[in-house]
C-alpha atoms as a PDB file:
ATOM      1  CA  UNK A   1      -0.003   0.009  -0.015  1.00  0.00           C
ATOM      2  CA  UNK A   2       2.929   2.377   0.649  1.00  0.00           C
ATOM      3  CA  UNK A   3       4.025   1.919  -2.955  1.00  0.00           C
ATOM      4  CA  UNK A   4       0.522   2.850  -4.078  1.00  0.00           C
ATOM      5  CA  UNK A   5       0.482   6.080  -2.005  1.00  0.00           C
ATOM      6  CA  UNK A   6       3.972   7.085  -3.227  1.00  0.00           C
ATOM      7  CA  UNK A   7       3.088   6.421  -6.853  1.00  0.00           C
ATOM      8  CA  UNK A   8      -0.089   8.476  -6.561  1.00  0.00           C
ATOM      9  CA  UNK A   9       1.769  11.398  -4.999  1.00  0.00           C
ATOM     10  CA  UNK A  10       4.351  11.403  -7.761  1.00  0.00           C
ATOM     11  CA  UNK A  11       1.749  11.132 -10.529  1.00  0.00           C
ATOM     12  CA  UNK A  12      -0.504  13.827  -9.074  1.00  0.00           C
ATOM     13  CA  UNK A  13       2.440  16.166  -8.598  1.00  0.00           C
ATOM     14  CA  UNK A  14       3.486  15.611 -12.234  1.00  0.00           C
ATOM     15  CA  UNK A  15       0.034  16.286 -13.609  1.00  0.00           C
ATOM     16  CA  UNK A  16      -0.459  19.352 -11.403  1.00  0.00           C
ATOM     17  CA  UNK A  17       2.886  20.826 -12.420  1.00  0.00           C
ATOM     18  CA  UNK A  18       2.064  20.204 -16.092  1.00  0.00           C
ATOM     19  CA  UNK A  19      -1.288  21.936 -15.753  1.00  0.00           C
ATOM     20  CA  UNK A  20       0.254  24.893 -13.922  1.00  0.00           C
ATOM     21  CA  UNK A  21       2.993  25.207 -16.467  1.00  0.00           C
ATOM     22  CA  UNK A  22       0.423  25.329 -19.279  1.00  0.00           C
ATOM     23  CA  UNK A  23      -1.656  27.925 -17.452  1.00  0.00           C
ATOM     24  CA  UNK A  24      -1.100  31.699 -17.458  1.00  0.00           C
ATOM     25  CA  UNK A  25      -4.568  33.089 -18.170  1.00  0.00           C
ATOM     26  CA  UNK A  26      -6.404  35.490 -15.832  1.00  0.00           C
ATOM     27  CA  UNK A  27      -8.582  33.842 -13.183  1.00  0.00           C
ATOM     28  CA  UNK A  28     -11.668  35.515 -14.701  1.00  0.00           C
ATOM     29  CA  UNK A  29     -11.105  33.982 -18.147  1.00  0.00           C
ATOM     30  CA  UNK A  30     -12.835  30.844 -19.350  1.00  0.00           C
ATOM     31  CA  UNK A  31     -10.765  27.894 -18.057  1.00  0.00           C
ATOM     32  CA  UNK A  32      -9.060  25.792 -20.703  1.00  0.00           C
ATOM     33  CA  UNK A  33      -7.339  23.450 -18.295  1.00  0.00           C
ATOM     34  CA  UNK A  34      -9.140  20.841 -16.174  1.00  0.00           C
ATOM     35  CA  UNK A  35      -7.577  18.661 -13.506  1.00  0.00           C
ATOM     36  CA  UNK A  36      -9.524  15.810 -11.832  1.00  0.00           C
ATOM     37  CA  UNK A  37      -8.663  13.058  -9.420  1.00  0.00           C
ATOM     38  CA  UNK A  38     -10.358   9.740  -8.745  1.00  0.00           C
ATOM     39  CA  UNK A  39     -10.359   6.930  -6.252  1.00  0.00           C
ATOM     40  CA  UNK A  40     -12.223   3.601  -6.152  1.00  0.00           C
ATOM     41  CA  UNK A  41     -12.679   0.423  -4.205  1.00  0.00           C
ATOM     42  CA  UNK A  42     -13.809  -2.705  -6.111  1.00  0.00           C
ATOM     43  CA  UNK A  43     -14.689  -6.217  -4.987  1.00  0.00           C
ATOM     44  CA  UNK A  44     -12.614  -7.654  -7.865  1.00  0.00           C
ATOM     45  CA  UNK A  45     -10.392  -5.674 -10.289  1.00  0.00           C
ATOM     46  CA  UNK A  46     -11.393  -6.980 -13.697  1.00  0.00           C
ATOM     47  CA  UNK A  47      -9.469  -5.992 -16.831  1.00  0.00           C
ATOM     48  CA  UNK A  48     -10.899  -7.192 -20.082  1.00  0.00           C
ATOM     49  CA  UNK A  49     -12.939  -9.683 -18.180  1.00  0.00           C
ATOM     50  CA  UNK A  50      -9.972 -11.237 -16.249  1.00  0.00           C
ATOM     51  CA  UNK A  51      -9.418 -10.720 -12.543  1.00  0.00           C
ATOM     52  CA  UNK A  52      -6.182  -8.845 -11.856  1.00  0.00           C
ATOM     53  CA  UNK A  53      -6.595  -9.206  -8.072  1.00  0.00           C
ATOM     54  CA  UNK A  54      -7.073 -12.960  -7.674  1.00  0.00           C
ATOM     55  CA  UNK A  55     -10.870 -12.534  -7.466  1.00  0.00           C
ATOM     56  CA  UNK A  56     -10.365 -10.330  -4.388  1.00  0.00           C
ATOM     57  CA  UNK A  57     -10.875  -6.579  -3.670  1.00  0.00           C
ATOM     58  CA  UNK A  58      -8.575  -3.924  -5.024  1.00  0.00           C
ATOM     59  CA  UNK A  59      -8.109  -0.184  -4.493  1.00  0.00           C
ATOM     60  CA  UNK A  60      -7.256   2.343  -7.201  1.00  0.00           C
ATOM     61  CA  UNK A  61      -6.465   6.046  -7.569  1.00  0.00           C
ATOM     62  CA  UNK A  62      -5.865   8.302 -10.558  1.00  0.00           C
ATOM     63  CA  UNK A  63      -5.326  11.810 -11.853  1.00  0.00           C
ATOM     64  CA  UNK A  64      -6.264  13.380 -15.230  1.00  0.00           C
ATOM     65  CA  UNK A  65      -5.371  16.611 -16.938  1.00  0.00           C
ATOM     66  CA  UNK A  66      -7.352  17.858 -19.937  1.00  0.00           C
ATOM     67  CA  UNK A  67      -6.730  20.853 -22.201  1.00  0.00           C
ATOM     68  CA  UNK A  68     -10.397  21.567 -22.790  1.00  0.00           C
ATOM     69  CA  UNK A  69      -9.768  23.939 -25.744  1.00  0.00           C
ATOM     70  CA  UNK A  70      -8.095  21.231 -27.857  1.00  0.00           C
ATOM     71  CA  UNK A  71      -9.198  17.935 -26.291  1.00  0.00           C
ATOM     72  CA  UNK A  72      -5.670  16.786 -25.532  1.00  0.00           C
ATOM     73  CA  UNK A  73      -5.292  14.896 -22.280  1.00  0.00           C
ATOM     74  CA  UNK A  74      -2.760  13.187 -19.975  1.00  0.00           C
ATOM     75  CA  UNK A  75      -3.439  10.901 -17.072  1.00  0.00           C
ATOM     76  CA  UNK A  76      -2.303   8.207 -14.708  1.00  0.00           C
ATOM     77  CA  UNK A  77      -4.181   5.410 -12.905  1.00  0.00           C
ATOM     78  CA  UNK A  78      -2.815   3.116 -10.230  1.00  0.00           C
ATOM     79  CA  UNK A  79      -4.277  -0.111  -8.747  1.00  0.00           C
ATOM     80  CA  UNK A  80      -3.329  -2.970  -6.484  1.00  0.00           C
ATOM     81  CA  UNK A  81      -2.913  -6.312  -8.325  1.00  0.00           C
ATOM     82  CA  UNK A  82      -1.932  -9.952  -7.773  1.00  0.00           C
ATOM     83  CA  UNK A  83      -1.515 -11.505 -11.211  1.00  0.00           C
ATOM     84  CA  UNK A  84       2.192 -10.866 -11.787  1.00  0.00           C
ATOM     85  CA  UNK A  85       2.944 -12.825  -8.630  1.00  0.00           C
ATOM     86  CA  UNK A  86       0.622 -15.612  -9.850  1.00  0.00           C
ATOM     87  CA  UNK A  87       2.872 -16.006 -12.895  1.00  0.00           C
ATOM     88  CA  UNK A  88       5.996 -16.429 -10.732  1.00  0.00           C
ATOM     89  CA  UNK A  89       7.083 -12.793 -10.807  1.00  0.00           C
ATOM     90  CA  UNK A  90       6.802 -10.039  -8.279  1.00  0.00           C
ATOM     91  CA  UNK A  91       5.158  -6.670  -7.777  1.00  0.00           C
ATOM     92  CA  UNK A  92       1.764  -5.684  -6.345  1.00  0.00           C
ATOM     93  CA  UNK A  93       0.727  -2.546  -8.226  1.00  0.00           C
ATOM     94  CA  UNK A  94      -0.159  -1.520 -11.771  1.00  0.00           C
ATOM     95  CA  UNK A  95       0.590   2.022 -12.989  1.00  0.00           C
ATOM     96  CA  UNK A  96      -1.100   3.226 -16.179  1.00  0.00           C
ATOM     97  CA  UNK A  97       0.185   6.296 -17.963  1.00  0.00           C
ATOM     98  CA  UNK A  98      -1.713   7.585 -20.989  1.00  0.00           C
ATOM     99  CA  UNK A  99      -2.254  10.529 -23.263  1.00  0.00           C
ATOM    100  CA  UNK A 100      -4.311  11.343 -26.325  1.00  0.00           C
ATOM    101  CA  UNK A 101      -6.947  13.543 -27.918  1.00  0.00           C
ATOM    102  CA  UNK A 102     -10.698  13.374 -27.910  1.00  0.00           C
ATOM    103  CA  UNK A 103     -13.465  15.409 -29.464  1.00  0.00           C
ATOM    104  CA  UNK A 104     -16.258  15.355 -32.051  1.00  0.00           C
ATOM    105  CA  UNK A 105     -15.907  14.773 -35.781  1.00  0.00           C
ATOM    106  CA  UNK A 106     -19.452  15.994 -36.357  1.00  0.00           C
ATOM    107  CA  UNK A 107     -22.344  16.392 -33.931  1.00  0.00           C
ATOM    108  CA  UNK A 108     -23.005  13.134 -32.080  1.00  0.00           C
ATOM    109  CA  UNK A 109     -19.928  11.406 -33.609  1.00  0.00           C
ATOM    110  CA  UNK A 110     -17.027  11.385 -31.142  1.00  0.00           C
ATOM    111  CA  UNK A 111     -13.467  10.199 -31.419  1.00  0.00           C
ATOM    112  CA  UNK A 112     -10.702   9.335 -28.948  1.00  0.00           C
ATOM    113  CA  UNK A 113      -7.172   8.159 -29.832  1.00  0.00           C
ATOM    114  CA  UNK A 114      -3.894   7.933 -27.935  1.00  0.00           C
ATOM    115  CA  UNK A 115      -1.279   5.765 -26.313  1.00  0.00           C
ATOM    116  CA  UNK A 116      -1.407   3.850 -22.991  1.00  0.00           C
ATOM    117  CA  UNK A 117       1.423   2.157 -21.097  1.00  0.00           C
ATOM    118  CA  UNK A 118       0.661  -0.478 -18.442  1.00  0.00           C
ATOM    119  CA  UNK A 119       3.647  -0.559 -16.053  1.00  0.00           C
ATOM    120  CA  UNK A 120       4.167  -3.296 -13.409  1.00  0.00           C
ATOM    121  CA  UNK A 121       7.080  -2.268 -11.199  1.00  0.00           C
ATOM    122  CA  UNK A 122       9.476  -5.132 -10.256  1.00  0.00           C
ATOM    123  CA  UNK A 123       7.334  -7.685 -12.153  1.00  0.00           C
ATOM    124  CA  UNK A 124      10.548  -9.762 -12.830  1.00  0.00           C
ATOM    125  CA  UNK A 125       8.840 -12.036 -15.390  1.00  0.00           C
ATOM    126  CA  UNK A 126      10.953 -13.682 -18.160  1.00  0.00           C
ATOM    127  CA  UNK A 127       9.045 -11.569 -20.681  1.00  0.00           C
ATOM    128  CA  UNK A 128       8.237  -8.222 -19.054  1.00  0.00           C
ATOM    129  CA  UNK A 129       4.600  -7.611 -18.191  1.00  0.00           C
ATOM    130  CA  UNK A 130       5.013  -3.898 -19.138  1.00  0.00           C
ATOM    131  CA  UNK A 131       2.855  -3.300 -22.202  1.00  0.00           C
ATOM    132  CA  UNK A 132       2.208  -0.249 -24.414  1.00  0.00           C
ATOM    133  CA  UNK A 133      -0.851   0.019 -26.673  1.00  0.00           C
ATOM    134  CA  UNK A 134      -2.024   2.467 -29.285  1.00  0.00           C
ATOM    135  CA  UNK A 135      -5.834   2.890 -29.283  1.00  0.00           C
ATOM    136  CA  UNK A 136      -8.543   4.529 -31.338  1.00  0.00           C
ATOM    137  CA  UNK A 137     -12.239   4.897 -30.579  1.00  0.00           C
ATOM    138  CA  UNK A 138     -15.313   6.113 -32.417  1.00  0.00           C
ATOM    139  CA  UNK A 139     -18.574   6.866 -30.661  1.00  0.00           C
ATOM    140  CA  UNK A 140     -22.151   7.437 -31.813  1.00  0.00           C
ATOM    141  CA  UNK A 141     -24.250   8.829 -28.962  1.00  0.00           C
ATOM    142  CA  UNK A 142     -23.960   6.361 -26.061  1.00  0.00           C
ATOM    143  CA  UNK A 143     -22.425   3.617 -28.183  1.00  0.00           C
ATOM    144  CA  UNK A 144     -18.763   3.170 -29.100  1.00  0.00           C
ATOM    145  CA  UNK A 145     -16.257   0.854 -30.801  1.00  0.00           C
ATOM    146  CA  UNK A 146     -12.586   0.849 -29.776  1.00  0.00           C
ATOM    147  CA  UNK A 147      -9.480  -1.034 -30.829  1.00  0.00           C
ATOM    148  CA  UNK A 148      -6.201  -1.243 -28.905  1.00  0.00           C
ATOM    149  CA  UNK A 149      -3.037  -2.761 -30.382  1.00  0.00           C
ATOM    150  CA  UNK A 150       0.245  -3.586 -28.635  1.00  0.00           C
ATOM    151  CA  UNK A 151       3.583  -2.215 -29.822  1.00  0.00           C
ATOM    152  CA  UNK A 152       5.531  -4.771 -27.737  1.00  0.00           C
ATOM    153  CA  UNK A 153       4.884  -8.207 -26.218  1.00  0.00           C
ATOM    154  CA  UNK A 154       1.474  -8.282 -24.490  1.00  0.00           C
ATOM    155  CA  UNK A 155       1.364  -8.595 -20.721  1.00  0.00           C
ATOM    156  CA  UNK A 156       4.242 -11.038 -20.269  1.00  0.00           C
ATOM    157  CA  UNK A 157       3.365 -13.312 -23.198  1.00  0.00           C
ATOM    158  CA  UNK A 158       6.448 -14.099 -25.362  1.00  0.00           C
ATOM    159  CA  UNK A 159       6.409 -13.264 -29.104  1.00  0.00           C
ATOM    160  CA  UNK A 160       3.088 -11.523 -28.865  1.00  0.00           C
ATOM    161  CA  UNK A 161       3.827  -8.083 -30.317  1.00  0.00           C
ATOM    162  CA  UNK A 162       0.895  -6.994 -32.465  1.00  0.00           C
ATOM    163  CA  UNK A 163      -1.792  -8.437 -30.191  1.00  0.00           C
ATOM    164  CA  UNK A 164      -5.042  -6.499 -30.058  1.00  0.00           C
ATOM    165  CA  UNK A 165      -8.291  -5.934 -28.217  1.00  0.00           C
ATOM    166  CA  UNK A 166     -11.645  -5.007 -29.772  1.00  0.00           C
ATOM    167  CA  UNK A 167     -14.120  -3.323 -27.457  1.00  0.00           C
ATOM    168  CA  UNK A 168     -17.798  -2.633 -28.329  1.00  0.00           C
ATOM    169  CA  UNK A 169     -20.240  -1.177 -25.909  1.00  0.00           C
ATOM    170  CA  UNK A 170     -22.877   1.335 -24.887  1.00  0.00           C
ATOM    171  CA  UNK A 171     -23.802   3.300 -21.741  1.00  0.00           C
ATOM    172  CA  UNK A 172     -27.539   3.953 -21.869  1.00  0.00           C
ATOM    173  CA  UNK A 173     -29.490   6.309 -19.637  1.00  0.00           C
ATOM    174  CA  UNK A 174     -32.331   4.683 -17.771  1.00  0.00           C
ATOM    175  CA  UNK A 175     -34.940   5.716 -15.237  1.00  0.00           C
ATOM    176  CA  UNK A 176     -34.046   6.913 -11.747  1.00  0.00           C
ATOM    177  CA  UNK A 177     -30.565   8.088 -12.803  1.00  0.00           C
ATOM    178  CA  UNK A 178     -29.313   4.606 -13.617  1.00  0.00           C
ATOM    179  CA  UNK A 179     -26.957   3.983 -16.523  1.00  0.00           C
ATOM    180  CA  UNK A 180     -26.976   0.587 -18.213  1.00  0.00           C
ATOM    181  CA  UNK A 181     -23.434  -0.532 -19.114  1.00  0.00           C
ATOM    182  CA  UNK A 182     -23.146  -3.020 -21.920  1.00  0.00           C
ATOM    183  CA  UNK A 183     -19.806  -4.357 -23.248  1.00  0.00           C
ATOM    184  CA  UNK A 184     -18.427  -7.140 -25.437  1.00  0.00           C
ATOM    185  CA  UNK A 185     -14.735  -7.624 -26.180  1.00  0.00           C
ATOM    186  CA  UNK A 186     -12.263  -9.833 -27.987  1.00  0.00           C
ATOM    187  CA  UNK A 187      -8.696 -10.192 -26.715  1.00  0.00           C
ATOM    188  CA  UNK A 188      -6.396 -11.579 -29.426  1.00  0.00           C
ATOM    189  CA  UNK A 189      -2.917 -12.740 -28.385  1.00  0.00           C
ATOM    190  CA  UNK A 190      -0.704 -13.047 -31.455  1.00  0.00           C
ATOM    191  CA  UNK A 191       1.018 -16.386 -31.956  1.00  0.00           C
ATOM    192  CA  UNK A 192      -0.740 -17.881 -28.917  1.00  0.00           C
ATOM    193  CA  UNK A 193      -4.445 -18.647 -29.470  1.00  0.00           C
ATOM    194  CA  UNK A 194      -4.625 -20.498 -26.138  1.00  0.00           C
ATOM    195  CA  UNK A 195      -4.657 -17.120 -24.392  1.00  0.00           C
ATOM    196  CA  UNK A 196      -7.143 -15.441 -26.752  1.00  0.00           C
ATOM    197  CA  UNK A 197     -10.726 -15.153 -25.551  1.00  0.00           C
ATOM    198  CA  UNK A 198     -13.988 -13.131 -25.566  1.00  0.00           C
ATOM    199  CA  UNK A 199     -15.380 -11.207 -22.597  1.00  0.00           C
ATOM    200  CA  UNK A 200     -18.581  -9.371 -21.696  1.00  0.00           C
ATOM    201  CA  UNK A 201     -20.114  -7.087 -19.077  1.00  0.00           C
ATOM    202  CA  UNK A 202     -23.693  -6.234 -18.195  1.00  0.00           C
ATOM    203  CA  UNK A 203     -24.010  -3.707 -15.390  1.00  0.00           C
ATOM    204  CA  UNK A 204     -25.545  -0.560 -13.942  1.00  0.00           C
ATOM    205  CA  UNK A 205     -24.027   2.644 -12.634  1.00  0.00           C
ATOM    206  CA  UNK A 206     -25.579   5.321 -10.453  1.00  0.00           C
ATOM    207  CA  UNK A 207     -24.212   8.655  -9.252  1.00  0.00           C
ATOM    208  CA  UNK A 208     -25.280   9.218  -5.652  1.00  0.00           C
ATOM    209  CA  UNK A 209     -23.597  12.596  -5.376  1.00  0.00           C
ATOM    210  CA  UNK A 210     -21.135  11.693  -2.627  1.00  0.00           C
ATOM    211  CA  UNK A 211     -19.913   8.738  -4.751  1.00  0.00           C
ATOM    212  CA  UNK A 212     -20.733   6.612  -7.764  1.00  0.00           C
ATOM    213  CA  UNK A 213     -21.820   2.988  -7.344  1.00  0.00           C
ATOM    214  CA  UNK A 214     -21.548   0.244  -9.996  1.00  0.00           C
ATOM    215  CA  UNK A 215     -22.671  -3.356 -10.077  1.00  0.00           C
ATOM    216  CA  UNK A 216     -21.889  -5.639 -13.026  1.00  0.00           C
ATOM    217  CA  UNK A 217     -21.850  -9.263 -14.165  1.00  0.00           C
ATOM    218  CA  UNK A 218     -18.527  -9.889 -15.879  1.00  0.00           C
ATOM    219  CA  UNK A 219     -17.245 -13.057 -17.548  1.00  0.00           C
ATOM    220  CA  UNK A 220     -15.153 -14.605 -20.333  1.00  0.00           C
ATOM    221  CA  UNK A 221     -14.915 -17.738 -22.388  1.00  0.00           C
ATOM    222  CA  UNK A 222     -11.173 -18.070 -21.616  1.00  0.00           C
ATOM    223  CA  UNK A 223      -9.960 -21.651 -21.976  1.00  0.00           C
ATOM    224  CA  UNK A 224      -9.664 -23.786 -18.802  1.00  0.00           C
ATOM    225  CA  UNK A 225      -6.238 -23.365 -17.296  1.00  0.00           C
ATOM    226  CA  UNK A 226      -5.342 -20.273 -19.320  1.00  0.00           C
ATOM    227  CA  UNK A 227      -5.658 -17.773 -16.405  1.00  0.00           C
ATOM    228  CA  UNK A 228      -5.713 -19.610 -13.079  1.00  0.00           C
ATOM    229  CA  UNK A 229      -5.134 -18.378  -9.535  1.00  0.00           C
ATOM    230  CA  UNK A 230      -2.490 -20.169  -7.418  1.00  0.00           C
ATOM    231  CA  UNK A 231      -5.331 -22.194  -5.804  1.00  0.00           C
ATOM    232  CA  UNK A 232      -6.627 -23.285  -9.243  1.00  0.00           C
ATOM    233  CA  UNK A 233      -9.612 -20.941  -9.512  1.00  0.00           C
ATOM    234  CA  UNK A 234     -10.376 -19.371 -12.905  1.00  0.00           C
ATOM    235  CA  UNK A 235      -9.594 -15.673 -13.114  1.00  0.00           C
ATOM    236  CA  UNK A 236     -11.950 -15.406 -16.127  1.00  0.00           C
ATOM    237  CA  UNK A 237     -14.986 -17.008 -14.556  1.00  0.00           C
ATOM    238  CA  UNK A 238     -18.294 -15.144 -14.512  1.00  0.00           C
ATOM    239  CA  UNK A 239     -18.712 -13.071 -11.399  1.00  0.00           C
ATOM    240  CA  UNK A 240     -20.648 -10.211  -9.804  1.00  0.00           C
ATOM    241  CA  UNK A 241     -18.418  -7.134  -9.254  1.00  0.00           C
ATOM    242  CA  UNK A 242     -19.333  -4.176  -7.039  1.00  0.00           C
ATOM    243  CA  UNK A 243     -17.465  -0.861  -7.217  1.00  0.00           C
ATOM    244  CA  UNK A 244     -17.685   2.480  -5.426  1.00  0.00           C
ATOM    245  CA  UNK A 245     -15.784   5.426  -6.812  1.00  0.00           C
ATOM    246  CA  UNK A 246     -15.404   9.176  -6.454  1.00  0.00           C
ATOM    247  CA  UNK A 247     -14.123  11.810  -8.868  1.00  0.00           C
ATOM    248  CA  UNK A 248     -13.138  15.194  -7.483  1.00  0.00           C
END
């Protein structure tokens, strides 16, 4: 947990300094810089359907800077994990660093593209778990389609450069302030079909003001034995995941 706190402090300081350095407008002017922070507690950290926390709770924190006039953004997100140890390595946190640009092509047609690095300090695996992806997304109203492709080996899998993930989903407004979250994905691991799989999520999200709550059923069709915990449980099995988060 100390590593998590230190990493958050460094990341937040970096983003704050970047935002301040880019500022210089009068306080009364329309702001073109936005800085937000987030924190969350989840019953099971799932990434592309797979548990990263051995089917147990995880805590995460993050910081985001957006240049609202242009849509360029930078951010970092940090979470506790278990999976690198499960593969015989070490390390207990994940640090994501990302940047890109988002906006609208025409009314109701949005875009988002950028680069994201997943960093696993001290992971010590034979093929490093550290992974960088380029991504692009198009949205139409509440629906979107996104593709992410790796520029190096994917998450510790040897000879897997060029792997990719297709993400299709929608976030639909419902009654009583609920948002219906629908997602389907396909993780392709190049040169290793055993680790390729489909995943899905059906959930709801609600903003309560003081925090946002989410509840989702998440699962995959990953092959038996592809992503086990040390005790033999399946990290890709269908499960109910509850999350509470706050952005400020």
